Amino acid sequence: MRLIIALLLPWLLFFTVGRPIAGVVCLILQITLVGWVVAAIWAVYALSQYNTDKKIAAAQLDR
């Protein structure tokens, strides 16, 4: 579900992963049509980093 949000409303994804300042910057970038593509790529990258961080934190708790 977050991947769909990252592609359609990139700025909203940053608020869901706890990065509101990046969300505001992304919203400003998204205002232009060309910026929308860059914002979507940035949001997908941020989502992958968020998922990786969650996996690492879960693995450290298992120790």
N, C-alpha and C. Protein backbone atom coordinates (compact mmCIF):
# COMPACT_ATOMS: atom_id res chain seq x y z
N MET A 1 0.82 -1.19 0.00
CA MET A 1 0.00 0.00 0.00
C MET A 1 0.87 1.26 0.00
N ARG A 2 1.96 1.23 0.77
CA ARG A 2 2.84 2.40 0.81
C ARG A 2 3.53 2.63 -0.53
N LEU A 3 3.74 1.58 -1.29
CA LEU A 3 4.35 1.74 -2.61
C LEU A 3 3.42 2.52 -3.54
N ILE A 4 2.14 2.24 -3.46
CA ILE A 4 1.17 2.98 -4.28
C ILE A 4 1.14 4.45 -3.85
N ILE A 5 1.19 4.69 -2.55
CA ILE A 5 1.24 6.06 -2.06
C ILE A 5 2.51 6.75 -2.54
N ALA A 6 3.63 6.03 -2.54
CA ALA A 6 4.90 6.61 -2.99
C ALA A 6 4.84 7.03 -4.45
N LEU A 7 4.10 6.31 -5.25
CA LEU A 7 4.02 6.64 -6.67
C LEU A 7 2.98 7.73 -6.97
N LEU A 8 1.87 7.71 -6.26
CA LEU A 8 0.80 8.65 -6.55
C LEU A 8 0.91 9.96 -5.75
N LEU A 9 1.22 9.84 -4.48
CA LEU A 9 1.35 11.01 -3.60
C LEU A 9 2.65 10.90 -2.81
N PRO A 10 3.78 11.15 -3.47
CA PRO A 10 5.07 10.94 -2.82
C PRO A 10 5.24 11.69 -1.51
N TRP A 11 4.74 12.91 -1.43
CA TRP A 11 4.91 13.69 -0.21
C TRP A 11 4.23 13.04 0.99
N LEU A 12 3.13 12.36 0.76
CA LEU A 12 2.39 11.73 1.85
C LEU A 12 3.17 10.56 2.45
N LEU A 13 3.94 9.88 1.64
CA LEU A 13 4.73 8.75 2.15
C LEU A 13 5.69 9.20 3.23
N PHE A 14 6.31 10.35 3.04
CA PHE A 14 7.29 10.82 4.02
C PHE A 14 6.63 11.08 5.38
N PHE A 15 5.39 11.51 5.37
CA PHE A 15 4.69 11.70 6.64
C PHE A 15 4.36 10.37 7.30
N THR A 16 4.11 9.33 6.51
CA THR A 16 3.78 8.03 7.09
C THR A 16 5.00 7.31 7.65
N VAL A 17 6.20 7.65 7.16
CA VAL A 17 7.41 7.01 7.68
C VAL A 17 8.13 7.88 8.70
N GLY A 18 7.50 9.00 9.09
CA GLY A 18 8.05 9.83 10.15
C GLY A 18 9.10 10.83 9.71
N ARG A 19 9.00 11.33 8.49
CA ARG A 19 9.95 12.33 7.99
C ARG A 19 9.16 13.53 7.42
N PRO A 20 8.57 14.34 8.31
CA PRO A 20 7.70 15.43 7.84
C PRO A 20 8.43 16.54 7.08
N ILE A 21 9.66 16.85 7.44
CA ILE A 21 10.39 17.90 6.72
C ILE A 21 10.67 17.46 5.29
N ALA A 22 11.06 16.21 5.12
CA ALA A 22 11.25 15.69 3.77
C ALA A 22 9.93 15.69 3.00
N GLY A 23 8.83 15.48 3.71
CA GLY A 23 7.51 15.52 3.07
C GLY A 23 7.18 16.89 2.53
N VAL A 24 7.52 17.93 3.27
CA VAL A 24 7.26 19.29 2.81
C VAL A 24 8.15 19.61 1.60
N VAL A 25 9.43 19.23 1.66
CA VAL A 25 10.33 19.45 0.54
C VAL A 25 9.83 18.70 -0.69
N CYS A 26 9.38 17.48 -0.48
CA CYS A 26 8.86 16.68 -1.58
C CYS A 26 7.61 17.30 -2.19
N LEU A 27 6.76 17.87 -1.35
CA LEU A 27 5.55 18.53 -1.85
C LEU A 27 5.91 19.73 -2.72
N ILE A 28 6.90 20.49 -2.30
CA ILE A 28 7.35 21.62 -3.10
C ILE A 28 7.92 21.13 -4.43
N LEU A 29 8.69 20.05 -4.39
CA LEU A 29 9.25 19.48 -5.61
C LEU A 29 8.17 18.92 -6.52
N GLN A 30 7.14 18.38 -5.94
CA GLN A 30 6.08 17.72 -6.69
C GLN A 30 5.16 18.70 -7.42
N ILE A 31 5.24 19.96 -7.10
CA ILE A 31 4.36 20.95 -7.73
C ILE A 31 4.57 20.99 -9.25
N THR A 32 5.80 20.77 -9.69
CA THR A 32 6.05 20.74 -11.13
C THR A 32 5.87 19.32 -11.66
N LEU A 33 5.58 19.21 -12.92
CA LEU A 33 5.36 17.89 -13.52
C LEU A 33 6.66 17.09 -13.56
N VAL A 34 7.76 17.72 -13.89
CA VAL A 34 9.05 17.03 -13.91
C VAL A 34 9.46 16.64 -12.49
N GLY A 35 9.16 17.52 -11.54
CA GLY A 35 9.48 17.23 -10.15
C GLY A 35 8.72 16.05 -9.59
N TRP A 36 7.55 15.77 -10.16
CA TRP A 36 6.74 14.64 -9.70
C TRP A 36 7.50 13.33 -9.89
N VAL A 37 8.16 13.18 -11.03
CA VAL A 37 8.93 11.96 -11.30
C VAL A 37 10.07 11.83 -10.31
N VAL A 38 10.79 12.91 -10.09
CA VAL A 38 11.90 12.89 -9.13
C VAL A 38 11.38 12.60 -7.73
N ALA A 39 10.26 13.22 -7.35
CA ALA A 39 9.69 13.01 -6.03
C ALA A 39 9.24 11.55 -5.85
N ALA A 40 8.68 10.95 -6.88
CA ALA A 40 8.24 9.55 -6.79
C ALA A 40 9.44 8.62 -6.63
N ILE A 41 10.50 8.87 -7.37
CA ILE A 41 11.71 8.05 -7.24
C ILE A 41 12.30 8.20 -5.84
N TRP A 42 12.34 9.42 -5.35
CA TRP A 42 12.86 9.69 -4.01
C TRP A 42 12.01 8.99 -2.95
N ALA A 43 10.70 9.01 -3.11
CA ALA A 43 9.80 8.37 -2.15
C ALA A 43 9.96 6.85 -2.15
N VAL A 44 10.11 6.26 -3.32
CA VAL A 44 10.32 4.80 -3.38
C VAL A 44 11.64 4.43 -2.73
N TYR A 45 12.68 5.23 -2.96
CA TYR A 45 13.97 4.99 -2.32
C TYR A 45 13.85 5.11 -0.80
N ALA A 46 13.17 6.14 -0.33
CA ALA A 46 12.99 6.34 1.11
C ALA A 46 12.20 5.19 1.72
N LEU A 47 11.22 4.68 0.98
CA LEU A 47 10.44 3.54 1.47
C LEU A 47 11.30 2.30 1.60
N SER A 48 12.18 2.07 0.64
CA SER A 48 13.05 0.90 0.73
C SER A 48 14.01 1.03 1.91
N GLN A 49 14.52 2.24 2.16
CA GLN A 49 15.39 2.46 3.31
C GLN A 49 14.63 2.27 4.62
N TYR A 50 13.39 2.71 4.67
CA TYR A 50 12.56 2.54 5.86
C TYR A 50 12.33 1.06 6.16
N ASN A 51 12.03 0.29 5.11
CA ASN A 51 11.80 -1.14 5.30
C ASN A 51 13.09 -1.84 5.75
N THR A 52 14.22 -1.44 5.19
CA THR A 52 15.50 -2.03 5.59
C THR A 52 15.81 -1.71 7.05
N ASP A 53 15.57 -0.48 7.46
CA ASP A 53 15.80 -0.09 8.86
C ASP A 53 14.92 -0.88 9.81
N LYS A 54 13.67 -1.13 9.42
CA LYS A 54 12.78 -1.94 10.27
C LYS A 54 13.28 -3.36 10.39
N LYS A 55 13.79 -3.95 9.31
CA LYS A 55 14.31 -5.31 9.34
C LYS A 55 15.54 -5.41 10.21
N ILE A 56 16.42 -4.42 10.13
CA ILE A 56 17.62 -4.42 10.95
C ILE A 56 17.26 -4.30 12.42
N ALA A 57 16.32 -3.43 12.74
CA ALA A 57 15.90 -3.26 14.13
C ALA A 57 15.26 -4.54 14.67
N ALA A 58 14.49 -5.23 13.84
CA ALA A 58 13.87 -6.49 14.28
C ALA A 58 14.93 -7.57 14.48
N ALA A 59 15.94 -7.59 13.65
CA ALA A 59 16.99 -8.59 13.79
C ALA A 59 17.82 -8.34 15.05
N GLN A 60 18.01 -7.09 15.39
CA GLN A 60 18.77 -6.78 16.61
C GLN A 60 17.99 -7.12 17.86
N LEU A 61 16.66 -7.06 17.80
CA LEU A 61 15.84 -7.43 18.95
C LEU A 61 15.84 -8.93 19.18
N ASP A 62 16.03 -9.69 18.12
CA ASP A 62 16.03 -11.15 18.23
C ASP A 62 17.28 -11.69 18.93
N ARG A 63 18.30 -10.90 19.01
CA ARG A 63 19.55 -11.35 19.64
C ARG A 63 19.42 -11.50 21.10
